């Protein structure tokens, strides 16, 4: 039987994917910051010297591997938001889902959403979904897909409060203030979680409590929500 021909471009993609999967394995086994190029090269079966033929730097590869490691968040976000009936649901569900996952793996979420990177994360995400197109459901709600392709927390926050403004629950100025407050709350609590100053349950519940309190204080209408009863 004739051997199937694989073009150089196809072989390059195969090798890149092998490295991403190997990096994911190394990060799970050794920790997000402990995994090394040497570990990845060994697991992927490539020469360390050729690593930079495929990636600009190790963070480039770590970002791709990290994206694979938050697939459970992407899946849950779609489930959460498909249940949203109001703009207040949408806003609070986004944060509830994010906190569920971020405080479970604080180092991973810090790296993806907060750590300074030399290259635009949006361009990295585009590259990632070109490699793994099956992970991006083209039939999903546009607002959900927009959330999944953004890693800038400020951009994501603006998207999450748009509905509150349109429904007259808060003003545009209040949306800016609410976004600032929620980001400060989340980033501060994630920092504490990273440094083992707070456990998962307390970090998650306190963050949602503070976000619910802030949100309720801005609402122009007397609107209640089950989360207010749960977290406040």
C-alpha atoms as a PDB file:
ATOM      1  CA  UNK A   1       0.000   0.000   0.000  1.00  0.00           C
ATOM      2  CA  UNK A   2       1.337   3.419  -0.952  1.00  0.00           C
ATOM      3  CA  UNK A   3       2.278   5.661   1.941  1.00  0.00           C
ATOM      4  CA  UNK A   4      -0.078   8.611   2.382  1.00  0.00           C
ATOM      5  CA  UNK A   5       1.600  11.856   1.424  1.00  0.00           C
ATOM      6  CA  UNK A   6       1.685  14.547   4.100  1.00  0.00           C
ATOM      7  CA  UNK A   7       2.650  18.033   3.028  1.00  0.00           C
ATOM      8  CA  UNK A   8       5.161  20.101   5.006  1.00  0.00           C
ATOM      9  CA  UNK A   9       2.341  22.403   6.120  1.00  0.00           C
ATOM     10  CA  UNK A  10       0.292  19.460   7.407  1.00  0.00           C
ATOM     11  CA  UNK A  11       3.338  18.013   9.166  1.00  0.00           C
ATOM     12  CA  UNK A  12       3.995  21.374  10.800  1.00  0.00           C
ATOM     13  CA  UNK A  13       0.421  21.499  12.132  1.00  0.00           C
ATOM     14  CA  UNK A  14       0.710  17.910  13.418  1.00  0.00           C
ATOM     15  CA  UNK A  15       3.927  18.799  15.272  1.00  0.00           C
ATOM     16  CA  UNK A  16       2.450  21.977  16.749  1.00  0.00           C
ATOM     17  CA  UNK A  17      -0.563  20.049  18.031  1.00  0.00           C
ATOM     18  CA  UNK A  18       1.704  17.382  19.504  1.00  0.00           C
ATOM     19  CA  UNK A  19       3.614  20.071  21.372  1.00  0.00           C
ATOM     20  CA  UNK A  20       0.408  21.654  22.674  1.00  0.00           C
ATOM     21  CA  UNK A  21      -0.876  18.320  23.964  1.00  0.00           C
ATOM     22  CA  UNK A  22       2.529  17.549  25.471  1.00  0.00           C
ATOM     23  CA  UNK A  23       2.620  20.942  27.189  1.00  0.00           C
ATOM     24  CA  UNK A  24      -0.851  20.384  28.593  1.00  0.00           C
ATOM     25  CA  UNK A  25       0.304  17.017  29.970  1.00  0.00           C
ATOM     26  CA  UNK A  26       3.453  18.551  31.478  1.00  0.00           C
ATOM     27  CA  UNK A  27       1.507  21.410  33.067  1.00  0.00           C
ATOM     28  CA  UNK A  28      -0.984  19.011  34.641  1.00  0.00           C
ATOM     29  CA  UNK A  29       1.796  16.762  35.916  1.00  0.00           C
ATOM     30  CA  UNK A  30       4.320  19.361  37.121  1.00  0.00           C
ATOM     31  CA  UNK A  31       2.293  22.540  37.570  1.00  0.00           C
ATOM     32  CA  UNK A  32       1.578  25.509  35.319  1.00  0.00           C
ATOM     33  CA  UNK A  33       4.801  27.343  36.065  1.00  0.00           C
ATOM     34  CA  UNK A  34       7.055  24.306  36.577  1.00  0.00           C
ATOM     35  CA  UNK A  35       6.645  22.720  33.133  1.00  0.00           C
ATOM     36  CA  UNK A  36       9.601  23.413  30.806  1.00  0.00           C
ATOM     37  CA  UNK A  37      10.557  23.277  27.133  1.00  0.00           C
ATOM     38  CA  UNK A  38      12.639  20.226  27.988  1.00  0.00           C
ATOM     39  CA  UNK A  39       9.579  18.453  29.407  1.00  0.00           C
ATOM     40  CA  UNK A  40       7.505  19.284  26.342  1.00  0.00           C
ATOM     41  CA  UNK A  41      10.233  18.273  23.876  1.00  0.00           C
ATOM     42  CA  UNK A  42      10.610  14.909  25.595  1.00  0.00           C
ATOM     43  CA  UNK A  43       6.884  14.190  25.669  1.00  0.00           C
ATOM     44  CA  UNK A  44       6.322  15.389  22.090  1.00  0.00           C
ATOM     45  CA  UNK A  45       9.368  13.548  20.769  1.00  0.00           C
ATOM     46  CA  UNK A  46      10.993  16.593  19.182  1.00  0.00           C
ATOM     47  CA  UNK A  47      14.473  18.069  19.489  1.00  0.00           C
ATOM     48  CA  UNK A  48      14.715  21.027  21.871  1.00  0.00           C
ATOM     49  CA  UNK A  49      16.741  22.890  19.273  1.00  0.00           C
ATOM     50  CA  UNK A  50      13.811  22.838  16.833  1.00  0.00           C
ATOM     51  CA  UNK A  51      11.243  24.142  19.354  1.00  0.00           C
ATOM     52  CA  UNK A  52      11.563  27.743  18.173  1.00  0.00           C
ATOM     53  CA  UNK A  53      10.765  26.690  14.618  1.00  0.00           C
ATOM     54  CA  UNK A  54       7.185  26.294  15.818  1.00  0.00           C
ATOM     55  CA  UNK A  55       6.720  28.778  18.667  1.00  0.00           C
ATOM     56  CA  UNK A  56       7.966  32.314  19.354  1.00  0.00           C
ATOM     57  CA  UNK A  57       8.630  31.478  23.008  1.00  0.00           C
ATOM     58  CA  UNK A  58       7.483  29.104  25.728  1.00  0.00           C
ATOM     59  CA  UNK A  59       4.644  31.408  26.813  1.00  0.00           C
ATOM     60  CA  UNK A  60       3.293  31.169  23.256  1.00  0.00           C
ATOM     61  CA  UNK A  61       2.981  27.391  23.684  1.00  0.00           C
ATOM     62  CA  UNK A  62       1.788  27.637  27.294  1.00  0.00           C
ATOM     63  CA  UNK A  63      -1.052  29.891  26.182  1.00  0.00           C
ATOM     64  CA  UNK A  64      -2.259  27.318  23.651  1.00  0.00           C
ATOM     65  CA  UNK A  65      -2.028  24.525  26.237  1.00  0.00           C
ATOM     66  CA  UNK A  66      -3.856  26.728  28.753  1.00  0.00           C
ATOM     67  CA  UNK A  67      -6.687  27.281  26.283  1.00  0.00           C
ATOM     68  CA  UNK A  68      -7.165  23.532  26.124  1.00  0.00           C
ATOM     69  CA  UNK A  69      -7.207  23.398  29.901  1.00  0.00           C
ATOM     70  CA  UNK A  70     -10.144  25.831  30.170  1.00  0.00           C
ATOM     71  CA  UNK A  71     -12.395  23.932  27.776  1.00  0.00           C
ATOM     72  CA  UNK A  72     -14.569  22.972  30.744  1.00  0.00           C
ATOM     73  CA  UNK A  73     -15.108  26.692  31.437  1.00  0.00           C
ATOM     74  CA  UNK A  74     -16.075  27.341  27.807  1.00  0.00           C
ATOM     75  CA  UNK A  75     -18.558  24.469  27.926  1.00  0.00           C
ATOM     76  CA  UNK A  76     -20.068  25.606  31.229  1.00  0.00           C
ATOM     77  CA  UNK A  77     -20.316  29.239  30.110  1.00  0.00           C
ATOM     78  CA  UNK A  78     -22.575  28.196  27.232  1.00  0.00           C
ATOM     79  CA  UNK A  79     -24.740  26.183  29.640  1.00  0.00           C
ATOM     80  CA  UNK A  80     -24.964  29.066  32.135  1.00  0.00           C
ATOM     81  CA  UNK A  81     -25.819  31.710  29.555  1.00  0.00           C
ATOM     82  CA  UNK A  82     -28.354  29.583  27.712  1.00  0.00           C
ATOM     83  CA  UNK A  83     -30.340  29.659  30.967  1.00  0.00           C
ATOM     84  CA  UNK A  84     -30.222  33.462  31.214  1.00  0.00           C
ATOM     85  CA  UNK A  85     -33.645  35.083  30.766  1.00  0.00           C
ATOM     86  CA  UNK A  86     -32.769  38.670  31.709  1.00  0.00           C
ATOM     87  CA  UNK A  87     -29.809  41.000  31.343  1.00  0.00           C
ATOM     88  CA  UNK A  88     -29.242  40.713  35.112  1.00  0.00           C
ATOM     89  CA  UNK A  89     -29.122  36.911  34.769  1.00  0.00           C
ATOM     90  CA  UNK A  90     -26.615  37.305  31.957  1.00  0.00           C
ATOM     91  CA  UNK A  91     -24.312  39.575  33.967  1.00  0.00           C
ATOM     92  CA  UNK A  92     -24.407  37.549  37.180  1.00  0.00           C
ATOM     93  CA  UNK A  93     -24.189  34.151  35.469  1.00  0.00           C
ATOM     94  CA  UNK A  94     -21.035  35.250  33.616  1.00  0.00           C
ATOM     95  CA  UNK A  95     -19.338  36.098  36.884  1.00  0.00           C
ATOM     96  CA  UNK A  96     -20.672  33.038  38.703  1.00  0.00           C
ATOM     97  CA  UNK A  97     -19.307  30.693  36.035  1.00  0.00           C
ATOM     98  CA  UNK A  98     -16.000  32.544  35.832  1.00  0.00           C
ATOM     99  CA  UNK A  99     -15.506  32.418  39.598  1.00  0.00           C
ATOM    100  CA  UNK A 100     -16.423  28.719  39.679  1.00  0.00           C
ATOM    101  CA  UNK A 101     -13.496  27.919  37.403  1.00  0.00           C
ATOM    102  CA  UNK A 102     -10.965  30.683  38.081  1.00  0.00           C
ATOM    103  CA  UNK A 103     -10.628  30.044  41.811  1.00  0.00           C
ATOM    104  CA  UNK A 104     -10.310  26.325  41.231  1.00  0.00           C
ATOM    105  CA  UNK A 105      -7.227  26.932  39.016  1.00  0.00           C
ATOM    106  CA  UNK A 106      -6.000  30.436  39.966  1.00  0.00           C
ATOM    107  CA  UNK A 107      -2.530  30.125  38.427  1.00  0.00           C
ATOM    108  CA  UNK A 108      -3.956  29.047  35.083  1.00  0.00           C
ATOM    109  CA  UNK A 109      -6.568  31.812  34.953  1.00  0.00           C
ATOM    110  CA  UNK A 110      -4.067  34.427  36.047  1.00  0.00           C
ATOM    111  CA  UNK A 111      -1.781  33.406  33.178  1.00  0.00           C
ATOM    112  CA  UNK A 112      -4.545  33.549  30.551  1.00  0.00           C
ATOM    113  CA  UNK A 113      -6.469  36.614  31.668  1.00  0.00           C
ATOM    114  CA  UNK A 114      -4.104  38.823  33.672  1.00  0.00           C
ATOM    115  CA  UNK A 115      -0.435  38.035  33.000  1.00  0.00           C
ATOM    116  CA  UNK A 116       1.425  40.399  30.690  1.00  0.00           C
ATOM    117  CA  UNK A 117       2.193  38.772  27.339  1.00  0.00           C
ATOM    118  CA  UNK A 118       4.411  39.986  24.530  1.00  0.00           C
ATOM    119  CA  UNK A 119       1.869  39.123  21.856  1.00  0.00           C
ATOM    120  CA  UNK A 120      -1.811  40.068  21.612  1.00  0.00           C
ATOM    121  CA  UNK A 121      -3.879  37.290  23.157  1.00  0.00           C
ATOM    122  CA  UNK A 122      -6.617  37.896  20.581  1.00  0.00           C
ATOM    123  CA  UNK A 123      -4.213  36.938  17.765  1.00  0.00           C
ATOM    124  CA  UNK A 124      -3.140  33.880  19.778  1.00  0.00           C
ATOM    125  CA  UNK A 125      -6.771  32.853  20.211  1.00  0.00           C
ATOM    126  CA  UNK A 126      -7.334  33.168  16.469  1.00  0.00           C
ATOM    127  CA  UNK A 127      -4.339  30.877  15.899  1.00  0.00           C
ATOM    128  CA  UNK A 128      -5.616  28.429  18.491  1.00  0.00           C
ATOM    129  CA  UNK A 129      -9.070  28.065  16.919  1.00  0.00           C
ATOM    130  CA  UNK A 130      -7.498  27.624  13.491  1.00  0.00           C
ATOM    131  CA  UNK A 131      -5.658  24.632  14.980  1.00  0.00           C
ATOM    132  CA  UNK A 132      -8.708  23.332  16.877  1.00  0.00           C
ATOM    133  CA  UNK A 133     -11.764  24.627  14.946  1.00  0.00           C
ATOM    134  CA  UNK A 134     -13.946  21.886  16.425  1.00  0.00           C
ATOM    135  CA  UNK A 135     -13.782  23.656  19.803  1.00  0.00           C
ATOM    136  CA  UNK A 136     -15.551  26.781  18.533  1.00  0.00           C
ATOM    137  CA  UNK A 137     -19.248  26.139  17.924  1.00  0.00           C
ATOM    138  CA  UNK A 138     -20.244  28.368  15.016  1.00  0.00           C
ATOM    139  CA  UNK A 139     -23.924  27.989  15.941  1.00  0.00           C
ATOM    140  CA  UNK A 140     -23.559  29.374  19.459  1.00  0.00           C
ATOM    141  CA  UNK A 141     -25.033  32.663  20.608  1.00  0.00           C
ATOM    142  CA  UNK A 142     -22.970  35.582  19.289  1.00  0.00           C
ATOM    143  CA  UNK A 143     -22.529  37.130  22.723  1.00  0.00           C
ATOM    144  CA  UNK A 144     -21.215  33.816  24.075  1.00  0.00           C
ATOM    145  CA  UNK A 145     -18.771  33.376  21.185  1.00  0.00           C
ATOM    146  CA  UNK A 146     -17.547  36.948  21.702  1.00  0.00           C
ATOM    147  CA  UNK A 147     -16.878  36.173  25.364  1.00  0.00           C
ATOM    148  CA  UNK A 148     -14.870  33.083  24.421  1.00  0.00           C
ATOM    149  CA  UNK A 149     -12.546  34.885  22.022  1.00  0.00           C
ATOM    150  CA  UNK A 150     -11.707  37.733  24.419  1.00  0.00           C
ATOM    151  CA  UNK A 151      -9.180  37.453  27.240  1.00  0.00           C
ATOM    152  CA  UNK A 152      -9.081  41.141  28.126  1.00  0.00           C
ATOM    153  CA  UNK A 153     -11.185  41.311  31.282  1.00  0.00           C
ATOM    154  CA  UNK A 154     -12.181  44.931  30.674  1.00  0.00           C
ATOM    155  CA  UNK A 155     -13.547  44.057  27.221  1.00  0.00           C
ATOM    156  CA  UNK A 156     -15.406  41.072  28.654  1.00  0.00           C
ATOM    157  CA  UNK A 157     -16.854  43.222  31.438  1.00  0.00           C
ATOM    158  CA  UNK A 158     -18.151  45.796  28.947  1.00  0.00           C
ATOM    159  CA  UNK A 159     -19.915  43.040  26.994  1.00  0.00           C
ATOM    160  CA  UNK A 160     -21.468  41.678  30.188  1.00  0.00           C
ATOM    161  CA  UNK A 161     -23.007  45.029  31.241  1.00  0.00           C
ATOM    162  CA  UNK A 162     -24.360  46.082  27.821  1.00  0.00           C
ATOM    163  CA  UNK A 163     -27.711  44.457  28.518  1.00  0.00           C
ATOM    164  CA  UNK A 164     -28.060  46.171  31.902  1.00  0.00           C
ATOM    165  CA  UNK A 165     -27.647  49.549  30.210  1.00  0.00           C
ATOM    166  CA  UNK A 166     -30.081  48.715  27.372  1.00  0.00           C
ATOM    167  CA  UNK A 167     -32.715  47.570  29.888  1.00  0.00           C
ATOM    168  CA  UNK A 168     -32.368  50.792  31.869  1.00  0.00           C
ATOM    169  CA  UNK A 169     -31.120  49.025  34.990  1.00  0.00           C
ATOM    170  CA  UNK A 170     -27.926  51.124  35.092  1.00  0.00           C
ATOM    171  CA  UNK A 171     -26.562  54.087  33.158  1.00  0.00           C
ATOM    172  CA  UNK A 172     -23.507  53.987  30.879  1.00  0.00           C
ATOM    173  CA  UNK A 173     -21.504  55.844  33.516  1.00  0.00           C
ATOM    174  CA  UNK A 174     -22.576  53.383  36.185  1.00  0.00           C
ATOM    175  CA  UNK A 175     -21.614  50.490  33.888  1.00  0.00           C
ATOM    176  CA  UNK A 176     -18.053  51.831  33.764  1.00  0.00           C
ATOM    177  CA  UNK A 177     -17.963  52.114  37.568  1.00  0.00           C
ATOM    178  CA  UNK A 178     -19.516  48.673  38.076  1.00  0.00           C
ATOM    179  CA  UNK A 179     -17.003  47.093  35.687  1.00  0.00           C
ATOM    180  CA  UNK A 180     -14.109  48.746  37.511  1.00  0.00           C
ATOM    181  CA  UNK A 181     -15.402  47.581  40.871  1.00  0.00           C
ATOM    182  CA  UNK A 182     -16.009  43.975  39.791  1.00  0.00           C
ATOM    183  CA  UNK A 183     -12.578  43.716  38.181  1.00  0.00           C
ATOM    184  CA  UNK A 184     -10.840  45.114  41.282  1.00  0.00           C
ATOM    185  CA  UNK A 185     -12.775  42.643  43.451  1.00  0.00           C
ATOM    186  CA  UNK A 186     -11.923  39.690  41.229  1.00  0.00           C
ATOM    187  CA  UNK A 187      -8.265  40.565  40.646  1.00  0.00           C
ATOM    188  CA  UNK A 188      -7.669  41.198  44.348  1.00  0.00           C
ATOM    189  CA  UNK A 189      -9.279  37.919  45.355  1.00  0.00           C
ATOM    190  CA  UNK A 190      -7.428  35.983  42.641  1.00  0.00           C
ATOM    191  CA  UNK A 191      -4.154  37.415  43.934  1.00  0.00           C
ATOM    192  CA  UNK A 192      -5.015  36.138  47.416  1.00  0.00           C
ATOM    193  CA  UNK A 193      -5.899  32.713  46.004  1.00  0.00           C
ATOM    194  CA  UNK A 194      -2.621  32.593  44.055  1.00  0.00           C
ATOM    195  CA  UNK A 195      -0.700  33.190  47.253  1.00  0.00           C
ATOM    196  CA  UNK A 196      -2.701  30.613  49.209  1.00  0.00           C
ATOM    197  CA  UNK A 197      -4.171  33.270  51.453  1.00  0.00           C
ATOM    198  CA  UNK A 198      -7.739  32.043  50.896  1.00  0.00           C
ATOM    199  CA  UNK A 199      -9.307  28.737  49.903  1.00  0.00           C
ATOM    200  CA  UNK A 200     -11.515  28.032  46.885  1.00  0.00           C
ATOM    201  CA  UNK A 201     -14.920  28.199  48.594  1.00  0.00           C
ATOM    202  CA  UNK A 202     -14.222  31.428  50.451  1.00  0.00           C
ATOM    203  CA  UNK A 203     -12.615  33.097  47.433  1.00  0.00           C
ATOM    204  CA  UNK A 204     -15.498  32.172  45.161  1.00  0.00           C
ATOM    205  CA  UNK A 205     -18.298  33.022  47.593  1.00  0.00           C
ATOM    206  CA  UNK A 206     -16.781  36.286  48.825  1.00  0.00           C
ATOM    207  CA  UNK A 207     -16.142  37.477  45.264  1.00  0.00           C
ATOM    208  CA  UNK A 208     -19.738  36.762  44.256  1.00  0.00           C
ATOM    209  CA  UNK A 209     -20.995  38.381  47.459  1.00  0.00           C
ATOM    210  CA  UNK A 210     -19.087  41.604  46.779  1.00  0.00           C
ATOM    211  CA  UNK A 211     -20.086  41.614  43.095  1.00  0.00           C
ATOM    212  CA  UNK A 212     -23.756  41.116  43.998  1.00  0.00           C
ATOM    213  CA  UNK A 213     -23.587  43.913  46.585  1.00  0.00           C
ATOM    214  CA  UNK A 214     -21.974  46.273  44.084  1.00  0.00           C
ATOM    215  CA  UNK A 215     -24.478  45.377  41.370  1.00  0.00           C
ATOM    216  CA  UNK A 216     -27.496  45.829  43.638  1.00  0.00           C
ATOM    217  CA  UNK A 217     -26.241  49.246  44.780  1.00  0.00           C
ATOM    218  CA  UNK A 218     -26.205  50.501  41.161  1.00  0.00           C
ATOM    219  CA  UNK A 219     -29.600  49.225  39.990  1.00  0.00           C
ATOM    220  CA  UNK A 220     -31.963  52.043  39.007  1.00  0.00           C
ATOM    221  CA  UNK A 221     -35.022  49.833  39.454  1.00  0.00           C
ATOM    222  CA  UNK A 222     -36.129  47.801  42.446  1.00  0.00           C
ATOM    223  CA  UNK A 223     -35.160  44.450  40.958  1.00  0.00           C
ATOM    224  CA  UNK A 224     -34.409  41.374  43.021  1.00  0.00           C
ATOM    225  CA  UNK A 225     -32.454  38.305  41.964  1.00  0.00           C
ATOM    226  CA  UNK A 226     -31.993  34.867  43.575  1.00  0.00           C
ATOM    227  CA  UNK A 227     -28.236  35.508  43.726  1.00  0.00           C
ATOM    228  CA  UNK A 228     -28.841  38.499  45.992  1.00  0.00           C
ATOM    229  CA  UNK A 229     -30.553  36.213  48.505  1.00  0.00           C
ATOM    230  CA  UNK A 230     -27.820  33.584  48.130  1.00  0.00           C
ATOM    231  CA  UNK A 231     -24.720  35.769  48.352  1.00  0.00           C
ATOM    232  CA  UNK A 232     -25.682  38.911  50.254  1.00  0.00           C
END
